[in-house]
Amino acid sequence: MIPGDGSVGIGLGSLGPGLAAPEREPRRMPYQRIIVPLDGSPLAELAAEHAAELARLCQSHLIFLRMVDPGAEQEAAQYLFQVNQEAHYEGLDTEAMVRFGKPAEVIVQTAAEMKADLVLLSSHGRTGLARQVFGSVAEAVVRLAPCPVTVVKTHLQHEVSRQSMSA
């Protein structure tokens, strides 16, 4: 803009004597805390691999979560200890939790309590009668979670389904 030429512009320079632009808050990485529900299946472990890669990119804290019935907590704790150690050796910031209750409810409640930025889980891909009888944990979590949810569906899911159908 040239003074007196009739043009209109927006000054991008100084705000004037003694004034400064407000300081911006540091940009927060999009996913600081990622909940990763695990049920011990190969599909869940593949979802954990996806979560680990995302955690590396975003420098996130991974929270491995296992839901069990009373009496099964020792086995679940050993499983989570192994998963947690493997992720920790890869340089990831992790923790593990064993909780009791219905999986979808526990996942949603834990996401709220931990102020999770993301839940990343696998889907078993049940359809038809199996889905009606067992329901879909992933679907319930997508509907009820207080944060975004990513559902991982992999090629292994089809292989696992074929193997169980032929058995």
Foldseek 3Di string as FASTA:
>chain_A
DDPPPPDDDDDPDDPDPPDDDDDDDPDQQQWAEEEQEDAPDPQSVVLVVVVLVVCVVRVHEYEYEYEDAPPCVVVVVVVVVVVQVVSVVVVHHYDYDYYYDDLLVVVQVVCVVVVGQEYTGEWLPDDDPVCVVVPTSLVSNCVRHPHYYHYDDDPVSVVVVVVVVVD
